[in-house]
Full PDB file with SEQRES, HELIX, SHEET, SSBOND, CRYST1, ORIGX, SCALE, CONECT and MASTER records, all heavy atoms in Angstrom:
SEQRES   1 A   37  THR PRO ASP ILE THR PRO GLY ALA PRO CYS TRP ILE ASP          
SEQRES   2 A   37  LEU MET THR SER ASN THR ASP THR ALA LYS GLN PHE TYR          
SEQRES   3 A   37  GLY ASP LEU PHE GLY TRP GLU PHE GLN THR GLY                  
HELIX    1 AA1 THR A   19  PHE A   30  1                                  12    
CRYST1    1.000    1.000    1.000  90.00  90.00  90.00 P 1           1          
ORIGX1      1.000000  0.000000  0.000000        0.00000                         
ORIGX2      0.000000  1.000000  0.000000        0.00000                         
ORIGX3      0.000000  0.000000  1.000000        0.00000                         
SCALE1      1.000000  0.000000  0.000000        0.00000                         
SCALE2      0.000000  1.000000  0.000000        0.00000                         
SCALE3      0.000000  0.000000  1.000000        0.00000                         
ATOM      1  N   THR A   1      58.906 -45.004 -60.352  1.00  0.00           N  
ATOM      2  CA  THR A   1      58.261 -43.890 -59.630  1.00  0.00           C  
ATOM      3  C   THR A   1      56.820 -43.944 -59.764  1.00  0.00           C  
ATOM      4  O   THR A   1      56.309 -44.206 -60.896  1.00  0.00           O  
ATOM      5  CB  THR A   1      58.870 -42.498 -60.101  1.00  0.00           C  
ATOM      6  OG1 THR A   1      60.282 -42.497 -59.955  1.00  0.00           O  
ATOM      7  CG2 THR A   1      58.226 -41.403 -59.402  1.00  0.00           C  
ATOM      8  N   PRO A   2      56.083 -43.763 -58.675  1.00  0.00           N  
ATOM      9  CA  PRO A   2      54.595 -43.882 -58.762  1.00  0.00           C  
ATOM     10  C   PRO A   2      54.067 -42.900 -59.805  1.00  0.00           C  
ATOM     11  O   PRO A   2      54.486 -41.800 -59.943  1.00  0.00           O  
ATOM     12  CB  PRO A   2      54.158 -43.505 -57.348  1.00  0.00           C  
ATOM     13  CG  PRO A   2      55.291 -43.759 -56.508  1.00  0.00           C  
ATOM     14  CD  PRO A   2      56.487 -43.520 -57.321  1.00  0.00           C  
ATOM     15  N   ASP A   3      52.938 -43.318 -60.481  1.00  0.00           N  
ATOM     16  CA  ASP A   3      52.286 -42.467 -61.444  1.00  0.00           C  
ATOM     17  C   ASP A   3      51.208 -41.726 -60.629  1.00  0.00           C  
ATOM     18  O   ASP A   3      50.180 -42.168 -60.374  1.00  0.00           O  
ATOM     19  CB  ASP A   3      51.641 -43.310 -62.540  1.00  0.00           C  
ATOM     20  CG  ASP A   3      50.815 -42.521 -63.479  1.00  0.00           C  
ATOM     21  OD1 ASP A   3      51.155 -41.288 -63.631  1.00  0.00           O  
ATOM     22  OD2 ASP A   3      49.926 -43.019 -64.173  1.00  0.00           O  
ATOM     23  N   ILE A   4      51.536 -40.497 -60.309  1.00  0.00           N  
ATOM     24  CA  ILE A   4      50.681 -39.650 -59.481  1.00  0.00           C  
ATOM     25  C   ILE A   4      49.781 -38.701 -60.354  1.00  0.00           C  
ATOM     26  O   ILE A   4      50.390 -37.805 -61.013  1.00  0.00           O  
ATOM     27  CB  ILE A   4      51.507 -38.814 -58.496  1.00  0.00           C  
ATOM     28  CG1 ILE A   4      52.261 -39.738 -57.539  1.00  0.00           C  
ATOM     29  CG2 ILE A   4      50.536 -37.935 -57.598  1.00  0.00           C  
ATOM     30  CD1 ILE A   4      53.267 -39.068 -56.643  1.00  0.00           C  
ATOM     31  N   THR A   5      48.537 -38.959 -60.397  1.00  0.00           N  
ATOM     32  CA  THR A   5      47.652 -38.209 -61.203  1.00  0.00           C  
ATOM     33  C   THR A   5      47.090 -36.933 -60.427  1.00  0.00           C  
ATOM     34  O   THR A   5      47.056 -37.023 -59.170  1.00  0.00           O  
ATOM     35  CB  THR A   5      46.547 -39.026 -61.799  1.00  0.00           C  
ATOM     36  OG1 THR A   5      45.872 -39.674 -60.621  1.00  0.00           O  
ATOM     37  CG2 THR A   5      47.026 -40.102 -62.683  1.00  0.00           C  
ATOM     38  N   PRO A   6      46.627 -35.890 -61.118  1.00  0.00           N  
ATOM     39  CA  PRO A   6      46.065 -34.826 -60.400  1.00  0.00           C  
ATOM     40  C   PRO A   6      44.880 -35.205 -59.438  1.00  0.00           C  
ATOM     41  O   PRO A   6      44.094 -36.075 -59.820  1.00  0.00           O  
ATOM     42  CB  PRO A   6      45.545 -33.929 -61.497  1.00  0.00           C  
ATOM     43  CG  PRO A   6      46.415 -34.225 -62.660  1.00  0.00           C  
ATOM     44  CD  PRO A   6      46.761 -35.648 -62.560  1.00  0.00           C  
ATOM     45  N   GLY A   7      44.908 -34.739 -58.212  1.00  0.00           N  
ATOM     46  CA  GLY A   7      43.926 -35.096 -57.196  1.00  0.00           C  
ATOM     47  C   GLY A   7      44.307 -36.199 -56.306  1.00  0.00           C  
ATOM     48  O   GLY A   7      43.741 -36.411 -55.301  1.00  0.00           O  
ATOM     49  N   ALA A   8      45.333 -36.936 -56.699  1.00  0.00           N  
ATOM     50  CA  ALA A   8      45.730 -38.126 -55.937  1.00  0.00           C  
ATOM     51  C   ALA A   8      46.774 -37.713 -54.910  1.00  0.00           C  
ATOM     52  O   ALA A   8      47.469 -36.777 -55.024  1.00  0.00           O  
ATOM     53  CB  ALA A   8      46.281 -39.214 -56.818  1.00  0.00           C  
ATOM     54  N   PRO A   9      46.897 -38.467 -53.797  1.00  0.00           N  
ATOM     55  CA  PRO A   9      47.947 -38.257 -52.787  1.00  0.00           C  
ATOM     56  C   PRO A   9      49.290 -38.321 -53.483  1.00  0.00           C  
ATOM     57  O   PRO A   9      49.608 -39.207 -54.285  1.00  0.00           O  
ATOM     58  CB  PRO A   9      47.756 -39.407 -51.846  1.00  0.00           C  
ATOM     59  CG  PRO A   9      46.316 -39.739 -51.891  1.00  0.00           C  
ATOM     60  CD  PRO A   9      45.928 -39.571 -53.318  1.00  0.00           C  
ATOM     61  N   CYS A  10      50.148 -37.336 -53.097  1.00  0.00           N  
ATOM     62  CA  CYS A  10      51.509 -37.260 -53.745  1.00  0.00           C  
ATOM     63  C   CYS A  10      52.585 -37.090 -52.734  1.00  0.00           C  
ATOM     64  O   CYS A  10      53.757 -37.248 -53.051  1.00  0.00           O  
ATOM     65  CB  CYS A  10      51.550 -36.152 -54.779  1.00  0.00           C  
ATOM     66  SG  CYS A  10      51.342 -34.488 -54.126  1.00  0.00           S  
ATOM     67  N   TRP A  11      52.249 -36.759 -51.461  1.00  0.00           N  
ATOM     68  CA  TRP A  11      53.272 -36.442 -50.475  1.00  0.00           C  
ATOM     69  C   TRP A  11      52.685 -36.534 -49.102  1.00  0.00           C  
ATOM     70  O   TRP A  11      51.478 -36.365 -48.958  1.00  0.00           O  
ATOM     71  CB  TRP A  11      53.889 -35.098 -50.704  1.00  0.00           C  
ATOM     72  CG  TRP A  11      55.108 -34.723 -49.876  1.00  0.00           C  
ATOM     73  CD1 TRP A  11      55.216 -33.703 -48.940  1.00  0.00           C  
ATOM     74  CD2 TRP A  11      56.354 -35.359 -49.941  1.00  0.00           C  
ATOM     75  NE1 TRP A  11      56.476 -33.734 -48.377  1.00  0.00           N  
ATOM     76  CE2 TRP A  11      57.217 -34.747 -48.975  1.00  0.00           C  
ATOM     77  CE3 TRP A  11      56.906 -36.462 -50.643  1.00  0.00           C  
ATOM     78  CZ2 TRP A  11      58.526 -35.122 -48.731  1.00  0.00           C  
ATOM     79  CZ3 TRP A  11      58.237 -36.861 -50.456  1.00  0.00           C  
ATOM     80  CH2 TRP A  11      59.038 -36.197 -49.468  1.00  0.00           C  
ATOM     81  N   ILE A  12      53.559 -36.818 -48.143  1.00  0.00           N  
ATOM     82  CA  ILE A  12      53.152 -36.779 -46.706  1.00  0.00           C  
ATOM     83  C   ILE A  12      54.281 -36.076 -45.899  1.00  0.00           C  
ATOM     84  O   ILE A  12      55.425 -36.158 -46.306  1.00  0.00           O  
ATOM     85  CB  ILE A  12      52.895 -38.161 -46.123  1.00  0.00           C  
ATOM     86  CG1 ILE A  12      54.161 -39.084 -46.280  1.00  0.00           C  
ATOM     87  CG2 ILE A  12      51.664 -38.834 -46.720  1.00  0.00           C  
ATOM     88  CD1 ILE A  12      54.067 -40.429 -45.578  1.00  0.00           C  
ATOM     89  N   ASP A  13      53.887 -35.379 -44.885  1.00  0.00           N  
ATOM     90  CA  ASP A  13      54.901 -34.930 -43.942  1.00  0.00           C  
ATOM     91  C   ASP A  13      54.405 -34.920 -42.559  1.00  0.00           C  
ATOM     92  O   ASP A  13      53.209 -34.913 -42.239  1.00  0.00           O  
ATOM     93  CB  ASP A  13      55.564 -33.656 -44.403  1.00  0.00           C  
ATOM     94  CG  ASP A  13      54.658 -32.436 -44.498  1.00  0.00           C  
ATOM     95  OD1 ASP A  13      53.637 -32.432 -43.827  1.00  0.00           O  
ATOM     96  OD2 ASP A  13      55.021 -31.494 -45.151  1.00  0.00           O  
ATOM     97  N   LEU A  14      55.389 -34.856 -41.631  1.00  0.00           N  
ATOM     98  CA  LEU A  14      55.183 -34.878 -40.226  1.00  0.00           C  
ATOM     99  C   LEU A  14      55.524 -33.547 -39.648  1.00  0.00           C  
ATOM    100  O   LEU A  14      56.657 -33.109 -39.808  1.00  0.00           O  
ATOM    101  CB  LEU A  14      55.943 -35.970 -39.553  1.00  0.00           C  
ATOM    102  CG  LEU A  14      56.042 -36.064 -38.021  1.00  0.00           C  
ATOM    103  CD1 LEU A  14      54.659 -36.447 -37.439  1.00  0.00           C  
ATOM    104  CD2 LEU A  14      57.112 -36.973 -37.499  1.00  0.00           C  
ATOM    105  N   MET A  15      54.612 -32.934 -38.959  1.00  0.00           N  
ATOM    106  CA  MET A  15      54.868 -31.750 -38.123  1.00  0.00           C  
ATOM    107  C   MET A  15      55.071 -32.210 -36.703  1.00  0.00           C  
ATOM    108  O   MET A  15      54.158 -32.780 -36.075  1.00  0.00           O  
ATOM    109  CB  MET A  15      53.723 -30.736 -38.169  1.00  0.00           C  
ATOM    110  CG  MET A  15      54.015 -29.441 -37.473  1.00  0.00           C  
ATOM    111  SD  MET A  15      52.750 -28.176 -37.669  1.00  0.00           S  
ATOM    112  CE  MET A  15      51.333 -28.983 -36.772  1.00  0.00           C  
ATOM    113  N   THR A  16      56.298 -32.050 -36.225  1.00  0.00           N  
ATOM    114  CA  THR A  16      56.697 -32.609 -34.917  1.00  0.00           C  
ATOM    115  C   THR A  16      57.296 -31.606 -33.989  1.00  0.00           C  
ATOM    116  O   THR A  16      57.981 -30.673 -34.437  1.00  0.00           O  
ATOM    117  CB  THR A  16      57.612 -33.798 -35.154  1.00  0.00           C  
ATOM    118  OG1 THR A  16      57.972 -34.345 -33.900  1.00  0.00           O  
ATOM    119  CG2 THR A  16      58.922 -33.359 -35.844  1.00  0.00           C  
ATOM    120  N   SER A  17      57.153 -31.886 -32.701  1.00  0.00           N  
ATOM    121  CA  SER A  17      57.786 -30.997 -31.702  1.00  0.00           C  
ATOM    122  C   SER A  17      59.229 -31.387 -31.390  1.00  0.00           C  
ATOM    123  O   SER A  17      59.937 -30.630 -30.738  1.00  0.00           O  
ATOM    124  CB  SER A  17      56.970 -31.073 -30.358  1.00  0.00           C  
ATOM    125  OG  SER A  17      56.799 -32.448 -29.990  1.00  0.00           O  
ATOM    126  N   ASN A  18      59.663 -32.484 -32.061  1.00  0.00           N  
ATOM    127  CA  ASN A  18      61.048 -32.895 -31.789  1.00  0.00           C  
ATOM    128  C   ASN A  18      61.539 -33.713 -32.999  1.00  0.00           C  
ATOM    129  O   ASN A  18      61.253 -34.922 -33.192  1.00  0.00           O  
ATOM    130  CB  ASN A  18      61.180 -33.774 -30.542  1.00  0.00           C  
ATOM    131  CG  ASN A  18      62.604 -33.946 -30.050  1.00  0.00           C  
ATOM    132  OD1 ASN A  18      63.466 -34.195 -30.913  1.00  0.00           O  
ATOM    133  ND2 ASN A  18      62.830 -33.862 -28.777  1.00  0.00           N  
ATOM    134  N   THR A  19      62.288 -33.030 -33.903  1.00  0.00           N  
ATOM    135  CA  THR A  19      62.695 -33.637 -35.111  1.00  0.00           C  
ATOM    136  C   THR A  19      63.713 -34.761 -34.841  1.00  0.00           C  
ATOM    137  O   THR A  19      63.797 -35.860 -35.567  1.00  0.00           O  
ATOM    138  CB  THR A  19      63.290 -32.655 -36.174  1.00  0.00           C  
ATOM    139  OG1 THR A  19      64.325 -31.926 -35.516  1.00  0.00           O  
ATOM    140  CG2 THR A  19      62.180 -31.671 -36.637  1.00  0.00           C  
ATOM    141  N   ASP A  20      64.609 -34.545 -33.816  1.00  0.00           N  
ATOM    142  CA  ASP A  20      65.627 -35.611 -33.529  1.00  0.00           C  
ATOM    143  C   ASP A  20      64.922 -36.892 -33.048  1.00  0.00           C  
ATOM    144  O   ASP A  20      65.319 -38.054 -33.493  1.00  0.00           O  
ATOM    145  CB  ASP A  20      66.549 -35.125 -32.488  1.00  0.00           C  
ATOM    146  CG  ASP A  20      67.469 -34.041 -32.939  1.00  0.00           C  
ATOM    147  OD1 ASP A  20      67.767 -33.945 -34.210  1.00  0.00           O  
ATOM    148  OD2 ASP A  20      67.977 -33.239 -32.122  1.00  0.00           O  
ATOM    149  N   THR A  21      63.898 -36.778 -32.240  1.00  0.00           N  
ATOM    150  CA  THR A  21      63.141 -37.959 -31.787  1.00  0.00           C  
ATOM    151  C   THR A  21      62.466 -38.604 -32.911  1.00  0.00           C  
ATOM    152  O   THR A  21      62.441 -39.866 -33.078  1.00  0.00           O  
ATOM    153  CB  THR A  21      62.085 -37.535 -30.704  1.00  0.00           C  
ATOM    154  OG1 THR A  21      62.822 -37.047 -29.564  1.00  0.00           O  
ATOM    155  CG2 THR A  21      61.250 -38.762 -30.296  1.00  0.00           C  
ATOM    156  N   ALA A  22      61.807 -37.804 -33.804  1.00  0.00           N  
ATOM    157  CA  ALA A  22      61.153 -38.357 -35.006  1.00  0.00           C  
ATOM    158  C   ALA A  22      62.138 -39.144 -35.890  1.00  0.00           C  
ATOM    159  O   ALA A  22      61.814 -40.226 -36.384  1.00  0.00           O  
ATOM    160  CB  ALA A  22      60.483 -37.268 -35.772  1.00  0.00           C  
ATOM    161  N   LYS A  23      63.307 -38.527 -36.136  1.00  0.00           N  
ATOM    162  CA  LYS A  23      64.258 -39.241 -37.055  1.00  0.00           C  
ATOM    163  C   LYS A  23      64.737 -40.535 -36.467  1.00  0.00           C  
ATOM    164  O   LYS A  23      64.840 -41.560 -37.167  1.00  0.00           O  
ATOM    165  CB  LYS A  23      65.457 -38.258 -37.333  1.00  0.00           C  
ATOM    166  CG  LYS A  23      65.132 -37.117 -38.283  1.00  0.00           C  
ATOM    167  CD  LYS A  23      66.390 -36.449 -38.791  1.00  0.00           C  
ATOM    168  CE  LYS A  23      67.191 -35.768 -37.680  1.00  0.00           C  
ATOM    169  NZ  LYS A  23      68.355 -35.057 -38.291  1.00  0.00           N  
ATOM    170  N   GLN A  24      64.934 -40.497 -35.134  1.00  0.00           N  
ATOM    171  CA  GLN A  24      65.468 -41.755 -34.479  1.00  0.00           C  
ATOM    172  C   GLN A  24      64.363 -42.819 -34.615  1.00  0.00           C  
ATOM    173  O   GLN A  24      64.567 -43.982 -34.960  1.00  0.00           O  
ATOM    174  CB  GLN A  24      65.717 -41.504 -33.018  1.00  0.00           C  
ATOM    175  CG  GLN A  24      66.269 -42.702 -32.272  1.00  0.00           C  
ATOM    176  CD  GLN A  24      67.742 -43.112 -32.669  1.00  0.00           C  
ATOM    177  OE1 GLN A  24      68.590 -42.234 -32.787  1.00  0.00           O  
ATOM    178  NE2 GLN A  24      67.957 -44.330 -32.919  1.00  0.00           N  
ATOM    179  N   PHE A  25      63.086 -42.384 -34.288  1.00  0.00           N  
ATOM    180  CA  PHE A  25      61.949 -43.384 -34.278  1.00  0.00           C  
ATOM    181  C   PHE A  25      61.709 -43.950 -35.601  1.00  0.00           C  
ATOM    182  O   PHE A  25      61.647 -45.151 -35.836  1.00  0.00           O  
ATOM    183  CB  PHE A  25      60.738 -42.716 -33.730  1.00  0.00           C  
ATOM    184  CG  PHE A  25      59.523 -43.557 -33.630  1.00  0.00           C  
ATOM    185  CD1 PHE A  25      59.372 -44.437 -32.517  1.00  0.00           C  
ATOM    186  CD2 PHE A  25      58.484 -43.474 -34.633  1.00  0.00           C  
ATOM    187  CE1 PHE A  25      58.180 -45.258 -32.536  1.00  0.00           C  
ATOM    188  CE2 PHE A  25      57.375 -44.207 -34.519  1.00  0.00           C  
ATOM    189  CZ  PHE A  25      57.218 -45.154 -33.509  1.00  0.00           C  
ATOM    190  N   TYR A  26      61.466 -43.071 -36.598  1.00  0.00           N  
ATOM    191  CA  TYR A  26      61.025 -43.573 -37.926  1.00  0.00           C  
ATOM    192  C   TYR A  26      62.247 -44.219 -38.684  1.00  0.00           C  
ATOM    193  O   TYR A  26      62.054 -45.114 -39.507  1.00  0.00           O  
ATOM    194  CB  TYR A  26      60.420 -42.462 -38.744  1.00  0.00           C  
ATOM    195  CG  TYR A  26      59.037 -42.015 -38.147  1.00  0.00           C  
ATOM    196  CD1 TYR A  26      58.957 -40.862 -37.355  1.00  0.00           C  
ATOM    197  CD2 TYR A  26      57.874 -42.778 -38.380  1.00  0.00           C  
ATOM    198  CE1 TYR A  26      57.675 -40.467 -36.842  1.00  0.00           C  
ATOM    199  CE2 TYR A  26      56.683 -42.419 -37.820  1.00  0.00           C  
ATOM    200  CZ  TYR A  26      56.580 -41.257 -37.046  1.00  0.00           C  
ATOM    201  OH  TYR A  26      55.378 -40.885 -36.526  1.00  0.00           O  
ATOM    202  N   GLY A  27      63.444 -43.707 -38.355  1.00  0.00           N  
ATOM    203  CA  GLY A  27      64.588 -44.316 -39.034  1.00  0.00           C  
ATOM    204  C   GLY A  27      64.720 -45.720 -38.605  1.00  0.00           C  
ATOM    205  O   GLY A  27      64.991 -46.667 -39.403  1.00  0.00           O  
ATOM    206  N   ASP A  28      64.590 -46.029 -37.276  1.00  0.00           N  
ATOM    207  CA  ASP A  28      64.718 -47.377 -36.776  1.00  0.00           C  
ATOM    208  C   ASP A  28      63.510 -48.235 -37.230  1.00  0.00           C  
ATOM    209  O   ASP A  28      63.626 -49.410 -37.452  1.00  0.00           O  
ATOM    210  CB  ASP A  28      64.847 -47.368 -35.230  1.00  0.00           C  
ATOM    211  CG  ASP A  28      66.154 -46.878 -34.787  1.00  0.00           C  
ATOM    212  OD1 ASP A  28      67.091 -46.769 -35.650  1.00  0.00           O  
ATOM    213  OD2 ASP A  28      66.288 -46.645 -33.603  1.00  0.00           O  
ATOM    214  N   LEU A  29      62.342 -47.636 -37.184  1.00  0.00           N  
ATOM    215  CA  LEU A  29      61.098 -48.398 -37.515  1.00  0.00           C  
ATOM    216  C   LEU A  29      60.958 -48.761 -38.946  1.00  0.00           C  
ATOM    217  O   LEU A  29      60.630 -49.908 -39.341  1.00  0.00           O  
ATOM    218  CB  LEU A  29      59.829 -47.690 -37.039  1.00  0.00           C  
ATOM    219  CG  LEU A  29      58.475 -48.384 -37.123  1.00  0.00           C  
ATOM    220  CD1 LEU A  29      58.527 -49.638 -36.295  1.00  0.00           C  
ATOM    221  CD2 LEU A  29      57.391 -47.461 -36.778  1.00  0.00           C  
ATOM    222  N   PHE A  30      61.223 -47.810 -39.823  1.00  0.00           N  
ATOM    223  CA  PHE A  30      60.976 -48.011 -41.246  1.00  0.00           C  
ATOM    224  C   PHE A  30      62.227 -48.077 -42.102  1.00  0.00           C  
ATOM    225  O   PHE A  30      62.172 -48.320 -43.313  1.00  0.00           O  
ATOM    226  CB  PHE A  30      60.115 -46.840 -41.791  1.00  0.00           C  
ATOM    227  CG  PHE A  30      58.738 -46.850 -41.263  1.00  0.00           C  
ATOM    228  CD1 PHE A  30      58.155 -45.675 -40.970  1.00  0.00           C  
ATOM    229  CD2 PHE A  30      58.000 -47.995 -41.022  1.00  0.00           C  
ATOM    230  CE1 PHE A  30      56.833 -45.573 -40.413  1.00  0.00           C  
ATOM    231  CE2 PHE A  30      56.709 -47.972 -40.524  1.00  0.00           C  
ATOM    232  CZ  PHE A  30      56.079 -46.775 -40.229  1.00  0.00           C  
ATOM    233  N   GLY A  31      63.407 -47.898 -41.472  1.00  0.00           N  
ATOM    234  CA  GLY A  31      64.683 -47.981 -42.284  1.00  0.00           C  
ATOM    235  C   GLY A  31      64.921 -46.705 -43.013  1.00  0.00           C  
ATOM    236  O   GLY A  31      65.525 -46.791 -44.165  1.00  0.00           O  
ATOM    237  N   TRP A  32      64.434 -45.613 -42.621  1.00  0.00           N  
ATOM    238  CA  TRP A  32      64.633 -44.328 -43.326  1.00  0.00           C  
ATOM    239  C   TRP A  32      65.999 -43.714 -43.060  1.00  0.00           C  
ATOM    240  O   TRP A  32      66.552 -43.869 -42.021  1.00  0.00           O  
ATOM    241  CB  TRP A  32      63.556 -43.325 -42.950  1.00  0.00           C  
ATOM    242  CG  TRP A  32      62.161 -43.647 -43.313  1.00  0.00           C  
ATOM    243  CD1 TRP A  32      61.732 -44.656 -44.078  1.00  0.00           C  
ATOM    244  CD2 TRP A  32      60.953 -42.896 -42.961  1.00  0.00           C  
ATOM    245  NE1 TRP A  32      60.426 -44.636 -44.330  1.00  0.00           N  
ATOM    246  CE2 TRP A  32      59.854 -43.555 -43.670  1.00  0.00           C  
ATOM    247  CE3 TRP A  32      60.702 -41.798 -42.202  1.00  0.00           C  
ATOM    248  CZ2 TRP A  32      58.570 -43.160 -43.525  1.00  0.00           C  
ATOM    249  CZ3 TRP A  32      59.376 -41.350 -42.162  1.00  0.00           C  
ATOM    250  CH2 TRP A  32      58.365 -42.021 -42.742  1.00  0.00           C  
ATOM    251  N   GLU A  33      66.441 -42.980 -44.068  1.00  0.00           N  
ATOM    252  CA  GLU A  33      67.623 -42.086 -43.975  1.00  0.00           C  
ATOM    253  C   GLU A  33      67.106 -40.691 -44.283  1.00  0.00           C  
ATOM    254  O   GLU A  33      66.109 -40.471 -44.881  1.00  0.00           O  
ATOM    255  CB  GLU A  33      68.682 -42.527 -44.937  1.00  0.00           C  
ATOM    256  CG  GLU A  33      69.171 -43.970 -44.634  1.00  0.00           C  
ATOM    257  CD  GLU A  33      70.248 -44.418 -45.619  1.00  0.00           C  
ATOM    258  OE1 GLU A  33      70.298 -43.865 -46.798  1.00  0.00           O  
ATOM    259  OE2 GLU A  33      71.075 -45.222 -45.306  1.00  0.00           O  
ATOM    260  N   PHE A  34      67.907 -39.656 -43.805  1.00  0.00           N  
ATOM    261  CA  PHE A  34      67.406 -38.348 -43.818  1.00  0.00           C  
ATOM    262  C   PHE A  34      68.387 -37.358 -44.412  1.00  0.00           C  
ATOM    263  O   PHE A  34      69.565 -37.488 -44.290  1.00  0.00           O  
ATOM    264  CB  PHE A  34      67.023 -37.907 -42.370  1.00  0.00           C  
ATOM    265  CG  PHE A  34      66.069 -38.798 -41.714  1.00  0.00           C  
ATOM    266  CD1 PHE A  34      66.506 -39.791 -40.877  1.00  0.00           C  
ATOM    267  CD2 PHE A  34      64.687 -38.661 -41.888  1.00  0.00           C  
ATOM    268  CE1 PHE A  34      65.639 -40.689 -40.231  1.00  0.00           C  
ATOM    269  CE2 PHE A  34      63.795 -39.519 -41.293  1.00  0.00           C  
ATOM    270  CZ  PHE A  34      64.247 -40.565 -40.410  1.00  0.00           C  
ATOM    271  N   GLN A  35      67.784 -36.265 -45.050  1.00  0.00           N  
ATOM    272  CA  GLN A  35      68.572 -35.214 -45.562  1.00  0.00           C  
ATOM    273  C   GLN A  35      67.840 -33.864 -45.077  1.00  0.00           C  
ATOM    274  O   GLN A  35      66.656 -33.754 -45.177  1.00  0.00           O  
ATOM    275  CB  GLN A  35      68.589 -35.159 -47.057  1.00  0.00           C  
ATOM    276  CG  GLN A  35      69.478 -36.336 -47.633  1.00  0.00           C  
ATOM    277  CD  GLN A  35      69.495 -36.243 -49.166  1.00  0.00           C  
ATOM    278  OE1 GLN A  35      68.477 -36.057 -49.867  1.00  0.00           O  
ATOM    279  NE2 GLN A  35      70.678 -36.430 -49.683  1.00  0.00           N  
ATOM    280  N   THR A  36      68.670 -32.939 -44.578  1.00  0.00           N  
ATOM    281  CA  THR A  36      68.039 -31.627 -44.059  1.00  0.00           C  
ATOM    282  C   THR A  36      68.306 -30.587 -45.089  1.00  0.00           C  
ATOM    283  O   THR A  36      69.369 -30.371 -45.581  1.00  0.00           O  
ATOM    284  CB  THR A  36      68.727 -31.325 -42.753  1.00  0.00           C  
ATOM    285  OG1 THR A  36      68.503 -32.337 -41.859  1.00  0.00           O  
ATOM    286  CG2 THR A  36      68.055 -30.008 -42.206  1.00  0.00           C  
ATOM    287  N   GLY A  37      67.189 -29.909 -45.491  1.00  0.00           N  
ATOM    288  CA  GLY A  37      67.320 -28.875 -46.519  1.00  0.00           C  
ATOM    289  C   GLY A  37      67.922 -27.644 -45.943  1.00  0.00           C  
ATOM    290  O   GLY A  37      68.046 -27.386 -44.716  1.00  0.00           O  
TER     291      GLY A  37                                                      
MASTER        0    0    0    1    0    0    0    6  290    1    0    3          
END                                                                             
Protein backbone atom coordinates (compact mmCIF):
# COMPACT_ATOMS: atom_id res chain seq x y z
CA THR A 1 0.00 0.00 0.00
CA PRO A 2 1.40 3.44 -0.88
CA ASP A 3 3.05 5.37 1.93
CA ILE A 4 0.89 8.51 1.94
CA THR A 5 2.35 11.29 4.04
CA PRO A 6 0.44 14.37 5.26
CA GLY A 7 0.02 16.89 2.44
CA ALA A 8 0.46 14.32 -0.31
CA PRO A 9 -2.25 13.18 -2.74
CA CYS A 10 -4.19 10.30 -1.21
CA TRP A 11 -7.42 9.94 -3.23
CA ILE A 12 -9.16 10.90 -6.45
CA ASP A 13 -12.76 10.87 -7.46
CA LEU A 14 -14.92 11.67 -10.45
CA MET A 15 -18.03 13.83 -10.26
CA THR A 16 -20.07 12.72 -13.24
CA SER A 17 -23.46 13.32 -14.82
CA ASN A 18 -23.75 9.61 -15.66
CA THR A 19 -22.28 6.99 -13.34
CA ASP A 20 -23.30 4.08 -15.59
CA THR A 21 -21.43 5.59 -18.54
CA ALA A 22 -18.42 6.30 -16.32
CA LYS A 23 -18.30 2.74 -14.99
CA GLN A 24 -18.52 1.28 -18.48
CA PHE A 25 -15.82 3.59 -19.84
CA TYR A 26 -13.25 3.39 -17.06
CA GLY A 27 -13.98 -0.27 -16.41
CA ASP A 28 -13.13 -1.14 -19.99
CA LEU A 29 -10.23 1.32 -20.29
CA PHE A 30 -8.44 0.61 -17.02
CA GLY A 31 -9.78 -2.79 -15.96
CA TRP A 32 -11.63 -1.42 -12.95
CA GLU A 33 -14.30 -3.18 -10.92
CA PHE A 34 -16.83 -1.29 -8.84
CA GLN A 35 -18.63 -1.37 -5.49
CA THR A 36 -21.53 0.95 -4.63
CA GLY A 37 -21.75 2.22 -1.07
